[in-house]
Amino acid sequence: MRMPFVIVAALAILWSGLLTASLAQQSNAAGVSNPLPQAEASPDDIEGGKMFATTCGFCHQDGGRHAGRGPKLSKSERSDEYIVERIKKGKVGAMPAYGSVFSDGQIIAILAYIRGLDD
């Protein structure tokens, strides 16, 4: 079980680094610093449920349906913006930050998984 997590984490780091370099190159080539468009999950992103299971599932039990080391996420009343920011920035002493590991599209895929949870 540890090996798939290592592979997924390594791929996520490599993929996000390549995406960042590509975006920086495009921005520099154009000479204009435009804000990035709203990120969307794409078929190229790893499926949100798989990412959740390999990175979040240890603390958010039963796929996020029950509290464990982390809170229950099913039927969360937190806003999408709050959840995205928490995934990106984490919480000191409670949750690691994944903003440098996952792309915006991957984070949206995880959010979509969380919003699709039922009890």
PDB file of N, CA and C in Angstrom:
ATOM      1  N   MET A   1       0.834  -1.199   0.000  1.00  0.00           N
ATOM      2  CA  MET A   1       0.000   0.000   0.000  1.00  0.00           C
ATOM      3  C   MET A   1       0.872   1.254   0.000  1.00  0.00           C
ATOM      4  N   ARG A   2       2.044   1.202   0.613  1.00  0.00           N
ATOM      5  CA  ARG A   2       2.913   2.370   0.678  1.00  0.00           C
ATOM      6  C   ARG A   2       3.488   2.709  -0.697  1.00  0.00           C
ATOM      7  N   MET A   3       3.801   1.704  -1.490  1.00  0.00           N
ATOM      8  CA  MET A   3       4.405   1.941  -2.795  1.00  0.00           C
ATOM      9  C   MET A   3       3.499   2.740  -3.720  1.00  0.00           C
ATOM     10  N   PRO A   4       2.174   2.421  -3.837  1.00  0.00           N
ATOM     11  CA  PRO A   4       1.321   3.249  -4.705  1.00  0.00           C
ATOM     12  C   PRO A   4       1.282   4.707  -4.246  1.00  0.00           C
ATOM     13  N   PHE A   5       1.298   4.963  -2.951  1.00  0.00           N
ATOM     14  CA  PHE A   5       1.290   6.337  -2.457  1.00  0.00           C
ATOM     15  C   PHE A   5       2.548   7.061  -2.892  1.00  0.00           C
ATOM     16  N   VAL A   6       3.690   6.390  -2.792  1.00  0.00           N
ATOM     17  CA  VAL A   6       4.959   6.998  -3.187  1.00  0.00           C
ATOM     18  C   VAL A   6       4.932   7.318  -4.680  1.00  0.00           C
ATOM     19  N   ILE A   7       4.419   6.400  -5.478  1.00  0.00           N
ATOM     20  CA  ILE A   7       4.349   6.617  -6.922  1.00  0.00           C
ATOM     21  C   ILE A   7       3.420   7.789  -7.236  1.00  0.00           C
ATOM     22  N   VAL A   8       2.240   7.816  -6.619  1.00  0.00           N
ATOM     23  CA  VAL A   8       1.278   8.899  -6.863  1.00  0.00           C
ATOM     24  C   VAL A   8       1.867  10.235  -6.419  1.00  0.00           C
ATOM     25  N   ALA A   9       2.496  10.266  -5.255  1.00  0.00           N
ATOM     26  CA  ALA A   9       3.087  11.512  -4.761  1.00  0.00           C
ATOM     27  C   ALA A   9       4.193  11.994  -5.699  1.00  0.00           C
ATOM     28  N   ALA A  10       5.046  11.076  -6.150  1.00  0.00           N
ATOM     29  CA  ALA A  10       6.126  11.459  -7.057  1.00  0.00           C
ATOM     30  C   ALA A  10       5.575  11.988  -8.375  1.00  0.00           C
ATOM     31  N   LEU A  11       4.555  11.319  -8.915  1.00  0.00           N
ATOM     32  CA  LEU A  11       3.949  11.779 -10.161  1.00  0.00           C
ATOM     33  C   LEU A  11       3.296  13.145  -9.986  1.00  0.00           C
ATOM     34  N   ALA A  12       2.631  13.347  -8.858  1.00  0.00           N
ATOM     35  CA  ALA A  12       1.979  14.642  -8.598  1.00  0.00           C
ATOM     36  C   ALA A  12       3.013  15.761  -8.514  1.00  0.00           C
ATOM     37  N   ILE A  13       4.131  15.497  -7.856  1.00  0.00           N
ATOM     38  CA  ILE A  13       5.182  16.510  -7.731  1.00  0.00           C
ATOM     39  C   ILE A  13       5.783  16.817  -9.091  1.00  0.00           C
ATOM     40  N   LEU A  14       6.115  15.784  -9.843  1.00  0.00           N
ATOM     41  CA  LEU A  14       6.695  15.986 -11.171  1.00  0.00           C
ATOM     42  C   LEU A  14       5.725  16.709 -12.090  1.00  0.00           C
ATOM     43  N   TRP A  15       4.460  16.283 -12.081  1.00  0.00           N
ATOM     44  CA  TRP A  15       3.467  16.870 -12.966  1.00  0.00           C
ATOM     45  C   TRP A  15       3.244  18.342 -12.630  1.00  0.00           C
ATOM     46  N   SER A  16       3.142  18.666 -11.334  1.00  0.00           N
ATOM     47  CA  SER A  16       2.910  20.065 -10.962  1.00  0.00           C
ATOM     48  C   SER A  16       4.117  20.925 -11.304  1.00  0.00           C
ATOM     49  N   GLY A  17       5.329  20.375 -11.170  1.00  0.00           N
ATOM     50  CA  GLY A  17       6.534  21.114 -11.535  1.00  0.00           C
ATOM     51  C   GLY A  17       6.585  21.392 -13.028  1.00  0.00           C
ATOM     52  N   LEU A  18       6.224  20.415 -13.839  1.00  0.00           N
ATOM     53  CA  LEU A  18       6.201  20.603 -15.287  1.00  0.00           C
ATOM     54  C   LEU A  18       5.153  21.630 -15.690  1.00  0.00           C
ATOM     55  N   LEU A  19       3.985  21.572 -15.045  1.00  0.00           N
ATOM     56  CA  LEU A  19       2.918  22.519 -15.341  1.00  0.00           C
ATOM     57  C   LEU A  19       3.360  23.939 -14.993  1.00  0.00           C
ATOM     58  N   THR A  20       3.984  24.112 -13.834  1.00  0.00           N
ATOM     59  CA  THR A  20       4.445  25.431 -13.408  1.00  0.00           C
ATOM     60  C   THR A  20       5.482  25.971 -14.380  1.00  0.00           C
ATOM     61  N   ALA A  21       6.431  25.136 -14.777  1.00  0.00           N
ATOM     62  CA  ALA A  21       7.462  25.567 -15.722  1.00  0.00           C
ATOM     63  C   ALA A  21       6.840  25.939 -17.058  1.00  0.00           C
ATOM     64  N   SER A  22       5.885  25.169 -17.521  1.00  0.00           N
ATOM     65  CA  SER A  22       5.225  25.436 -18.793  1.00  0.00           C
ATOM     66  C   SER A  22       4.467  26.759 -18.738  1.00  0.00           C
ATOM     67  N   LEU A  23       3.744  26.999 -17.647  1.00  0.00           N
ATOM     68  CA  LEU A  23       2.988  28.243 -17.504  1.00  0.00           C
ATOM     69  C   LEU A  23       3.925  29.445 -17.424  1.00  0.00           C
ATOM     70  N   ALA A  24       5.034  29.297 -16.720  1.00  0.00           N
ATOM     71  CA  ALA A  24       5.999  30.388 -16.609  1.00  0.00           C
ATOM     72  C   ALA A  24       6.592  30.702 -17.977  1.00  0.00           C
ATOM     73  N   GLN A  25       6.879  29.676 -18.759  1.00  0.00           N
ATOM     74  CA  GLN A  25       7.427  29.859 -20.088  1.00  0.00           C
ATOM     75  C   GLN A  25       6.425  30.591 -20.973  1.00  0.00           C
ATOM     76  N   GLN A  26       5.156  30.193 -20.913  1.00  0.00           N
ATOM     77  CA  GLN A  26       4.130  30.831 -21.723  1.00  0.00           C
ATOM     78  C   GLN A  26       3.963  32.295 -21.328  1.00  0.00           C
ATOM     79  N   SER A  27       3.996  32.570 -20.028  1.00  0.00           N
ATOM     80  CA  SER A  27       3.835  33.929 -19.531  1.00  0.00           C
ATOM     81  C   SER A  27       4.995  34.801 -19.980  1.00  0.00           C
ATOM     82  N   ASN A  28       6.227  34.277 -19.878  1.00  0.00           N
ATOM     83  CA  ASN A  28       7.398  35.038 -20.280  1.00  0.00           C
ATOM     84  C   ASN A  28       7.428  35.260 -21.785  1.00  0.00           C
ATOM     85  N   ALA A  29       6.991  34.279 -22.565  1.00  0.00           N
ATOM     86  CA  ALA A  29       6.987  34.402 -24.018  1.00  0.00           C
ATOM     87  C   ALA A  29       6.021  35.496 -24.451  1.00  0.00           C
ATOM     88  N   ALA A  30       4.908  35.587 -23.780  1.00  0.00           N
ATOM     89  CA  ALA A  30       3.917  36.593 -24.135  1.00  0.00           C
ATOM     90  C   ALA A  30       4.304  37.967 -23.618  1.00  0.00           C
ATOM     91  N   GLY A  31       5.151  38.012 -22.580  1.00  0.00           N
ATOM     92  CA  GLY A  31       5.562  39.274 -21.993  1.00  0.00           C
ATOM     93  C   GLY A  31       4.483  39.928 -21.166  1.00  0.00           C
ATOM     94  N   VAL A  32       3.409  39.218 -20.927  1.00  0.00           N
ATOM     95  CA  VAL A  32       2.282  39.771 -20.173  1.00  0.00           C
ATOM     96  C   VAL A  32       2.000  38.840 -19.008  1.00  0.00           C
ATOM     97  N   SER A  33       1.720  39.428 -17.877  1.00  0.00           N
ATOM     98  CA  SER A  33       1.407  38.634 -16.697  1.00  0.00           C
ATOM     99  C   SER A  33      -0.095  38.661 -16.459  1.00  0.00           C
ATOM    100  N   ASN A  34      -0.820  37.758 -17.125  1.00  0.00           N
ATOM    101  CA  ASN A  34      -2.264  37.660 -16.950  1.00  0.00           C
ATOM    102  C   ASN A  34      -2.576  36.659 -15.848  1.00  0.00           C
ATOM    103  N   PRO A  35      -3.646  36.896 -15.110  1.00  0.00           N
ATOM    104  CA  PRO A  35      -4.031  35.893 -14.113  1.00  0.00           C
ATOM    105  C   PRO A  35      -4.434  34.594 -14.809  1.00  0.00           C
ATOM    106  N   LEU A  36      -4.181  33.485 -14.135  1.00  0.00           N
ATOM    107  CA  LEU A  36      -4.524  32.186 -14.701  1.00  0.00           C
ATOM    108  C   LEU A  36      -6.037  32.021 -14.734  1.00  0.00           C
ATOM    109  N   PRO A  37      -6.565  31.339 -15.740  1.00  0.00           N
ATOM    110  CA  PRO A  37      -8.008  31.078 -15.775  1.00  0.00           C
ATOM    111  C   PRO A  37      -8.389  30.130 -14.646  1.00  0.00           C
ATOM    112  N   GLN A  38      -9.671  30.100 -14.332  1.00  0.00           N
ATOM    113  CA  GLN A  38     -10.174  29.202 -13.298  1.00  0.00           C
ATOM    114  C   GLN A  38      -9.793  27.771 -13.652  1.00  0.00           C
ATOM    115  N   ALA A  39      -9.129  27.077 -12.746  1.00  0.00           N
ATOM    116  CA  ALA A  39      -8.690  25.708 -13.006  1.00  0.00           C
ATOM    117  C   ALA A  39      -9.884  24.771 -13.057  1.00  0.00           C
ATOM    118  N   GLU A  40      -9.819  23.838 -13.943  1.00  0.00           N
ATOM    119  CA  GLU A  40     -10.859  22.820 -14.080  1.00  0.00           C
ATOM    120  C   GLU A  40     -10.189  21.461 -14.019  1.00  0.00           C
ATOM    121  N   ALA A  41     -10.847  20.499 -13.424  1.00  0.00           N
ATOM    122  CA  ALA A  41     -10.324  19.142 -13.434  1.00  0.00           C
ATOM    123  C   ALA A  41     -10.437  18.618 -14.855  1.00  0.00           C
ATOM    124  N   SER A  42      -9.415  17.949 -15.318  1.00  0.00           N
ATOM    125  CA  SER A  42      -9.428  17.422 -16.678  1.00  0.00           C
ATOM    126  C   SER A  42      -9.199  15.926 -16.648  1.00  0.00           C
ATOM    127  N   PRO A  43      -9.455  15.260 -17.764  1.00  0.00           N
ATOM    128  CA  PRO A  43      -9.211  13.815 -17.818  1.00  0.00           C
ATOM    129  C   PRO A  43      -7.748  13.458 -17.574  1.00  0.00           C
ATOM    130  N   ASP A  44      -6.842  14.440 -17.754  1.00  0.00           N
ATOM    131  CA  ASP A  44      -5.423  14.179 -17.509  1.00  0.00           C
ATOM    132  C   ASP A  44      -5.095  14.124 -16.023  1.00  0.00           C
ATOM    133  N   ASP A  45      -5.950  14.709 -15.206  1.00  0.00           N
ATOM    134  CA  ASP A  45      -5.717  14.681 -13.760  1.00  0.00           C
ATOM    135  C   ASP A  45      -6.041  13.301 -13.210  1.00  0.00           C
ATOM    136  N   ILE A  46      -5.372  12.948 -12.146  1.00  0.00           N
ATOM    137  CA  ILE A  46      -5.671  11.690 -11.467  1.00  0.00           C
ATOM    138  C   ILE A  46      -7.068  11.812 -10.879  1.00  0.00           C
ATOM    139  N   GLU A  47      -7.824  10.763 -10.917  1.00  0.00           N
ATOM    140  CA  GLU A  47      -9.194  10.758 -10.403  1.00  0.00           C
ATOM    141  C   GLU A  47      -9.199  11.158  -8.921  1.00  0.00           C
ATOM    142  N   GLY A  48     -10.109  12.067  -8.548  1.00  0.00           N
ATOM    143  CA  GLY A  48     -10.157  12.623  -7.198  1.00  0.00           C
ATOM    144  C   GLY A  48     -10.283  11.586  -6.103  1.00  0.00           C
ATOM    145  N   GLY A  49     -11.082  10.554  -6.321  1.00  0.00           N
ATOM    146  CA  GLY A  49     -11.251   9.510  -5.307  1.00  0.00           C
ATOM    147  C   GLY A  49      -9.970   8.753  -5.039  1.00  0.00           C
ATOM    148  N   LYS A  50      -9.193   8.506  -6.086  1.00  0.00           N
ATOM    149  CA  LYS A  50      -7.915   7.805  -5.908  1.00  0.00           C
ATOM    150  C   LYS A  50      -6.914   8.688  -5.175  1.00  0.00           C
ATOM    151  N   MET A  51      -6.870   9.975  -5.544  1.00  0.00           N
ATOM    152  CA  MET A  51      -5.958  10.885  -4.849  1.00  0.00           C
ATOM    153  C   MET A  51      -6.347  11.002  -3.383  1.00  0.00           C
ATOM    154  N   PHE A  52      -7.651  11.106  -3.124  1.00  0.00           N
ATOM    155  CA  PHE A  52      -8.121  11.205  -1.750  1.00  0.00           C
ATOM    156  C   PHE A  52      -7.712   9.968  -0.965  1.00  0.00           C
ATOM    157  N   ALA A  53      -7.938   8.801  -1.548  1.00  0.00           N
ATOM    158  CA  ALA A  53      -7.636   7.543  -0.853  1.00  0.00           C
ATOM    159  C   ALA A  53      -6.155   7.427  -0.516  1.00  0.00           C
ATOM    160  N   THR A  54      -5.282   7.888  -1.417  1.00  0.00           N
ATOM    161  CA  THR A  54      -3.850   7.712  -1.197  1.00  0.00           C
ATOM    162  C   THR A  54      -3.207   8.808  -0.366  1.00  0.00           C
ATOM    163  N   THR A  55      -3.842   9.973  -0.245  1.00  0.00           N
ATOM    164  CA  THR A  55      -3.229  11.052   0.524  1.00  0.00           C
ATOM    165  C   THR A  55      -4.053  11.510   1.719  1.00  0.00           C
ATOM    166  N   CYS A  56      -5.358  11.470   1.607  1.00  0.00           N
ATOM    167  CA  CYS A  56      -6.230  12.027   2.646  1.00  0.00           C
ATOM    168  C   CYS A  56      -6.886  10.950   3.510  1.00  0.00           C
ATOM    169  N   GLY A  57      -7.028   9.759   2.940  1.00  0.00           N
ATOM    170  CA  GLY A  57      -7.787   8.694   3.573  1.00  0.00           C
ATOM    171  C   GLY A  57      -7.243   8.207   4.899  1.00  0.00           C
ATOM    172  N   PHE A  58      -5.970   8.445   5.155  1.00  0.00           N
ATOM    173  CA  PHE A  58      -5.402   8.013   6.431  1.00  0.00           C
ATOM    174  C   PHE A  58      -6.045   8.761   7.600  1.00  0.00           C
ATOM    175  N   CYS A  59      -6.300  10.031   7.417  1.00  0.00           N
ATOM    176  CA  CYS A  59      -6.876  10.844   8.498  1.00  0.00           C
ATOM    177  C   CYS A  59      -8.392  11.003   8.399  1.00  0.00           C
ATOM    178  N   HIS A  60      -8.911  11.043   7.193  1.00  0.00           N
ATOM    179  CA  HIS A  60     -10.350  11.202   6.994  1.00  0.00           C
ATOM    180  C   HIS A  60     -10.913   9.817   6.685  1.00  0.00           C
ATOM    181  N   GLN A  61     -11.380   9.142   7.716  1.00  0.00           N
ATOM    182  CA  GLN A  61     -11.747   7.725   7.658  1.00  0.00           C
ATOM    183  C   GLN A  61     -12.912   7.425   6.728  1.00  0.00           C
ATOM    184  N   ASP A  62     -12.933   6.194   6.246  1.00  0.00           N
ATOM    185  CA  ASP A  62     -13.987   5.678   5.372  1.00  0.00           C
ATOM    186  C   ASP A  62     -14.225   6.611   4.188  1.00  0.00           C
ATOM    187  N   GLY A  63     -13.128   7.017   3.560  1.00  0.00           N
ATOM    188  CA  GLY A  63     -13.231   7.880   2.385  1.00  0.00           C
ATOM    189  C   GLY A  63     -13.733   9.271   2.688  1.00  0.00           C
ATOM    190  N   GLY A  64     -13.631   9.722   3.932  1.00  0.00           N
ATOM    191  CA  GLY A  64     -14.100  11.050   4.330  1.00  0.00           C
ATOM    192  C   GLY A  64     -15.491  11.047   4.938  1.00  0.00           C
ATOM    193  N   ARG A  65     -16.074   9.856   5.062  1.00  0.00           N
ATOM    194  CA  ARG A  65     -17.441   9.752   5.575  1.00  0.00           C
ATOM    195  C   ARG A  65     -17.507   9.760   7.104  1.00  0.00           C
ATOM    196  N   HIS A  66     -16.368   9.544   7.766  1.00  0.00           N
ATOM    197  CA  HIS A  66     -16.326   9.524   9.231  1.00  0.00           C
ATOM    198  C   HIS A  66     -15.096  10.275   9.711  1.00  0.00           C
ATOM    199  N   ALA A  67     -15.188  10.826  10.903  1.00  0.00           N
ATOM    200  CA  ALA A  67     -14.041  11.491  11.508  1.00  0.00           C
ATOM    201  C   ALA A  67     -13.023  10.443  11.933  1.00  0.00           C
ATOM    202  N   GLY A  68     -11.784  10.789  11.796  1.00  0.00           N
ATOM    203  CA  GLY A  68     -10.670   9.967  12.264  1.00  0.00           C
ATOM    204  C   GLY A  68      -9.699  10.933  12.922  1.00  0.00           C
ATOM    205  N   ARG A  69      -8.470  10.947  12.434  1.00  0.00           N
ATOM    206  CA  ARG A  69      -7.533  11.971  12.887  1.00  0.00           C
ATOM    207  C   ARG A  69      -7.977  13.333  12.353  1.00  0.00           C
ATOM    208  N   GLY A  70      -8.660  13.316  11.204  1.00  0.00           N
ATOM    209  CA  GLY A  70      -9.212  14.527  10.603  1.00  0.00           C
ATOM    210  C   GLY A  70     -10.730  14.484  10.672  1.00  0.00           C
ATOM    211  N   PRO A  71     -11.387  15.599  10.393  1.00  0.00           N
ATOM    212  CA  PRO A  71     -12.851  15.644  10.505  1.00  0.00           C
ATOM    213  C   PRO A  71     -13.567  14.887   9.386  1.00  0.00           C
ATOM    214  N   LYS A  72     -14.811  14.598   9.626  1.00  0.00           N
ATOM    215  CA  LYS A  72     -15.707  14.037   8.612  1.00  0.00           C
ATOM    216  C   LYS A  72     -15.879  15.098   7.526  1.00  0.00           C
ATOM    217  N   LEU A  73     -15.804  14.697   6.279  1.00  0.00           N
ATOM    218  CA  LEU A  73     -15.946  15.640   5.175  1.00  0.00           C
ATOM    219  C   LEU A  73     -17.273  15.499   4.436  1.00  0.00           C
ATOM    220  N   SER A  74     -17.909  14.354   4.591  1.00  0.00           N
ATOM    221  CA  SER A  74     -19.199  14.129   3.957  1.00  0.00           C
ATOM    222  C   SER A  74     -20.210  15.147   4.471  1.00  0.00           C
ATOM    223  N   LYS A  75     -20.927  15.772   3.549  1.00  0.00           N
ATOM    224  CA  LYS A  75     -21.966  16.759   3.887  1.00  0.00           C
ATOM    225  C   LYS A  75     -21.403  17.969   4.644  1.00  0.00           C
ATOM    226  N   SER A  76     -20.135  18.312   4.369  1.00  0.00           N
ATOM    227  CA  SER A  76     -19.504  19.460   5.025  1.00  0.00           C
ATOM    228  C   SER A  76     -20.239  20.749   4.658  1.00  0.00           C
ATOM    229  N   GLU A  77     -20.399  21.616   5.633  1.00  0.00           N
ATOM    230  CA  GLU A  77     -21.031  22.901   5.396  1.00  0.00           C
ATOM    231  C   GLU A  77     -20.007  23.981   5.049  1.00  0.00           C
ATOM    232  N   ARG A  78     -18.738  23.610   5.017  1.00  0.00           N
ATOM    233  CA  ARG A  78     -17.683  24.554   4.636  1.00  0.00           C
ATOM    234  C   ARG A  78     -17.823  24.881   3.153  1.00  0.00           C
ATOM    235  N   SER A  79     -17.431  26.111   2.788  1.00  0.00           N
ATOM    236  CA  SER A  79     -17.522  26.526   1.386  1.00  0.00           C
ATOM    237  C   SER A  79     -16.441  25.826   0.559  1.00  0.00           C
ATOM    238  N   ASP A  80     -16.658  25.789  -0.744  1.00  0.00           N
ATOM    239  CA  ASP A  80     -15.668  25.226  -1.650  1.00  0.00           C
ATOM    240  C   ASP A  80     -14.335  25.964  -1.510  1.00  0.00           C
ATOM    241  N   GLU A  81     -14.408  27.287  -1.396  1.00  0.00           N
ATOM    242  CA  GLU A  81     -13.194  28.095  -1.264  1.00  0.00           C
ATOM    243  C   GLU A  81     -12.425  27.714  -0.001  1.00  0.00           C
ATOM    244  N   TYR A  82     -13.143  27.514   1.087  1.00  0.00           N
ATOM    245  CA  TYR A  82     -12.498  27.129   2.345  1.00  0.00           C
ATOM    246  C   TYR A  82     -11.777  25.790   2.186  1.00  0.00           C
ATOM    247  N   ILE A  83     -12.460  24.817   1.600  1.00  0.00           N
ATOM    248  CA  ILE A  83     -11.876  23.477   1.451  1.00  0.00           C
ATOM    249  C   ILE A  83     -10.652  23.530   0.540  1.00  0.00           C
ATOM    250  N   VAL A  84     -10.744  24.260  -0.565  1.00  0.00           N
ATOM    251  CA  VAL A  84      -9.604  24.384  -1.478  1.00  0.00           C
ATOM    252  C   VAL A  84      -8.422  25.030  -0.764  1.00  0.00           C
ATOM    253  N   GLU A  85      -8.668  26.097  -0.039  1.00  0.00           N
ATOM    254  CA  GLU A  85      -7.583  26.769   0.690  1.00  0.00           C
ATOM    255  C   GLU A  85      -6.981  25.865   1.764  1.00  0.00           C
ATOM    256  N   ARG A  86      -7.824  25.082   2.441  1.00  0.00           N
ATOM    257  CA  ARG A  86      -7.320  24.169   3.475  1.00  0.00           C
ATOM    258  C   ARG A  86      -6.438  23.098   2.836  1.00  0.00           C
ATOM    259  N   ILE A  87      -6.846  22.590   1.672  1.00  0.00           N
ATOM    260  CA  ILE A  87      -6.024  21.597   0.978  1.00  0.00           C
ATOM    261  C   ILE A  87      -4.699  22.234   0.575  1.00  0.00           C
ATOM    262  N   LYS A  88      -4.745  23.440   0.038  1.00  0.00           N
ATOM    263  CA  LYS A  88      -3.525  24.104  -0.424  1.00  0.00           C
ATOM    264  C   LYS A  88      -2.591  24.482   0.725  1.00  0.00           C
ATOM    265  N   LYS A  89      -3.145  25.088   1.772  1.00  0.00           N
ATOM    266  CA  LYS A  89      -2.314  25.653   2.840  1.00  0.00           C
ATOM    267  C   LYS A  89      -2.205  24.783   4.076  1.00  0.00           C
ATOM    268  N   GLY A  90      -3.098  23.795   4.224  1.00  0.00           N
ATOM    269  CA  GLY A  90      -3.071  22.937   5.398  1.00  0.00           C
ATOM    270  C   GLY A  90      -3.474  23.677   6.656  1.00  0.00           C
ATOM    271  N   LYS A  91      -3.178  23.064   7.790  1.00  0.00           N
ATOM    272  CA  LYS A  91      -3.446  23.669   9.096  1.00  0.00           C
ATOM    273  C   LYS A  91      -2.304  23.250  10.005  1.00  0.00           C
ATOM    274  N   VAL A  92      -1.615  24.211  10.565  1.00  0.00           N
ATOM    275  CA  VAL A  92      -0.441  23.945  11.387  1.00  0.00           C
ATOM    276  C   VAL A  92      -0.774  22.948  12.497  1.00  0.00           C
ATOM    277  N   GLY A  93      -0.006  21.897  12.577  1.00  0.00           N
ATOM    278  CA  GLY A  93      -0.174  20.889  13.608  1.00  0.00           C
ATOM    279  C   GLY A  93      -1.304  19.907  13.371  1.00  0.00           C
ATOM    280  N   ALA A  94      -2.048  20.079  12.271  1.00  0.00           N
ATOM    281  CA  ALA A  94      -3.197  19.207  12.050  1.00  0.00           C
ATOM    282  C   ALA A  94      -3.228  18.589  10.656  1.00  0.00           C
ATOM    283  N   MET A  95      -2.890  19.384   9.636  1.00  0.00           N
ATOM    284  CA  MET A  95      -2.985  18.891   8.259  1.00  0.00           C
ATOM    285  C   MET A  95      -1.857  19.477   7.431  1.00  0.00           C
ATOM    286  N   PRO A  96      -1.169  18.629   6.660  1.00  0.00           N
ATOM    287  CA  PRO A  96      -0.110  19.155   5.790  1.00  0.00           C
ATOM    288  C   PRO A  96      -0.690  19.973   4.639  1.00  0.00           C
ATOM    289  N   ALA A  97       0.097  20.882   4.112  1.00  0.00           N
ATOM    290  CA  ALA A  97      -0.291  21.675   2.951  1.00  0.00           C
ATOM    291  C   ALA A  97       0.036  20.885   1.687  1.00  0.00           C
ATOM    292  N   TYR A  98      -0.899  20.855   0.754  1.00  0.00           N
ATOM    293  CA  TYR A  98      -0.704  20.122  -0.492  1.00  0.00           C
ATOM    294  C   TYR A  98      -0.662  21.046  -1.703  1.00  0.00           C
ATOM    295  N   GLY A  99      -0.609  22.361  -1.484  1.00  0.00           N
ATOM    296  CA  GLY A  99      -0.600  23.312  -2.594  1.00  0.00           C
ATOM    297  C   GLY A  99       0.579  23.174  -3.524  1.00  0.00           C
ATOM    298  N   SER A 100       1.703  22.716  -3.015  1.00  0.00           N
ATOM    299  CA  SER A 100       2.873  22.535  -3.879  1.00  0.00           C
ATOM    300  C   SER A 100       2.956  21.122  -4.445  1.00  0.00           C
ATOM    301  N   VAL A 101       2.056  20.256  -4.003  1.00  0.00           N
ATOM    302  CA  VAL A 101       2.049  18.865  -4.471  1.00  0.00           C
ATOM    303  C   VAL A 101       1.027  18.667  -5.575  1.00  0.00           C
ATOM    304  N   PHE A 102      -0.170  19.213  -5.389  1.00  0.00           N
ATOM    305  CA  PHE A 102      -1.251  19.035  -6.341  1.00  0.00           C
ATOM    306  C   PHE A 102      -1.448  20.282  -7.189  1.00  0.00           C
ATOM    307  N   SER A 103      -1.835  20.081  -8.430  1.00  0.00           N
ATOM    308  CA  SER A 103      -2.210  21.202  -9.298  1.00  0.00           C
ATOM    309  C   SER A 103      -3.598  21.697  -8.874  1.00  0.00           C
ATOM    310  N   ASP A 104      -3.971  22.866  -9.371  1.00  0.00           N
ATOM    311  CA  ASP A 104      -5.314  23.375  -9.081  1.00  0.00           C
ATOM    312  C   ASP A 104      -6.373  22.407  -9.595  1.00  0.00           C
ATOM    313  N   GLY A 105      -6.154  21.831 -10.762  1.00  0.00           N
ATOM    314  CA  GLY A 105      -7.103  20.870 -11.316  1.00  0.00           C
ATOM    315  C   GLY A 105      -7.243  19.632 -10.444  1.00  0.00           C
ATOM    316  N   GLN A 106      -6.129  19.165  -9.899  1.00  0.00           N
ATOM    317  CA  GLN A 106      -6.178  17.999  -9.016  1.00  0.00           C
ATOM    318  C   GLN A 106      -6.910  18.330  -7.719  1.00  0.00           C
ATOM    319  N   ILE A 107      -6.696  19.522  -7.201  1.00  0.00           N
ATOM    320  CA  ILE A 107      -7.393  19.934  -5.977  1.00  0.00           C
ATOM    321  C   ILE A 107      -8.892  20.033  -6.237  1.00  0.00           C
ATOM    322  N   ILE A 108      -9.266  20.531  -7.407  1.00  0.00           N
ATOM    323  CA  ILE A 108     -10.684  20.592  -7.756  1.00  0.00           C
ATOM    324  C   ILE A 108     -11.264  19.185  -7.877  1.00  0.00           C
ATOM    325  N   ALA A 109     -10.468  18.249  -8.410  1.00  0.00           N
ATOM    326  CA  ALA A 109     -10.935  16.859  -8.507  1.00  0.00           C
ATOM    327  C   ALA A 109     -11.167  16.276  -7.111  1.00  0.00           C
ATOM    328  N   ILE A 110     -10.288  16.606  -6.156  1.00  0.00           N
ATOM    329  CA  ILE A 110     -10.473  16.141  -4.774  1.00  0.00           C
ATOM    330  C   ILE A 110     -11.719  16.787  -4.177  1.00  0.00           C
ATOM    331  N   LEU A 111     -11.908  18.088  -4.421  1.00  0.00           N
ATOM    332  CA  LEU A 111     -13.101  18.784  -3.935  1.00  0.00           C
ATOM    333  C   LEU A 111     -14.365  18.145  -4.512  1.00  0.00           C
ATOM    334  N   ALA A 112     -14.345  17.829  -5.798  1.00  0.00           N
ATOM    335  CA  ALA A 112     -15.508  17.187  -6.424  1.00  0.00           C
ATOM    336  C   ALA A 112     -15.784  15.836  -5.765  1.00  0.00           C
ATOM    337  N   TYR A 113     -14.743  15.099  -5.447  1.00  0.00           N
ATOM    338  CA  TYR A 113     -14.921  13.820  -4.745  1.00  0.00           C
ATOM    339  C   TYR A 113     -15.589  14.058  -3.390  1.00  0.00           C
ATOM    340  N   ILE A 114     -15.075  15.033  -2.636  1.00  0.00           N
ATOM    341  CA  ILE A 114     -15.620  15.335  -1.301  1.00  0.00           C
ATOM    342  C   ILE A 114     -17.101  15.733  -1.410  1.00  0.00           C
ATOM    343  N   ARG A 115     -17.429  16.579  -2.374  1.00  0.00           N
ATOM    344  CA  ARG A 115     -18.815  17.040  -2.540  1.00  0.00           C
ATOM    345  C   ARG A 115     -19.736  15.897  -2.971  1.00  0.00           C
ATOM    346  N   GLY A 116     -19.185  14.873  -3.578  1.00  0.00           N
ATOM    347  CA  GLY A 116     -19.993  13.746  -4.010  1.00  0.00           C
ATOM    348  C   GLY A 116     -20.183  12.673  -2.953  1.00  0.00           C
ATOM    349  N   LEU A 117     -19.568  12.861  -1.784  1.00  0.00           N
ATOM    350  CA  LEU A 117     -19.696  11.868  -0.718  1.00  0.00           C
ATOM    351  C   LEU A 117     -21.118  11.832  -0.166  1.00  0.00           C
ATOM    352  N   ASP A 118     -21.537  10.657   0.201  1.00  0.00           N
ATOM    353  CA  ASP A 118     -22.793  10.516   0.942  1.00  0.00           C
ATOM    354  C   ASP A 118     -22.494   9.662   2.180  1.00  0.00           C
ATOM    355  N   ASP A 119     -23.358   9.712   3.142  1.00  0.00           N
ATOM    356  CA  ASP A 119     -23.115   8.963   4.375  1.00  0.00           C
ATOM    357  C   ASP A 119     -23.453   7.557   4.153  1.00  0.00           C
TER     358      ASP A 119
END
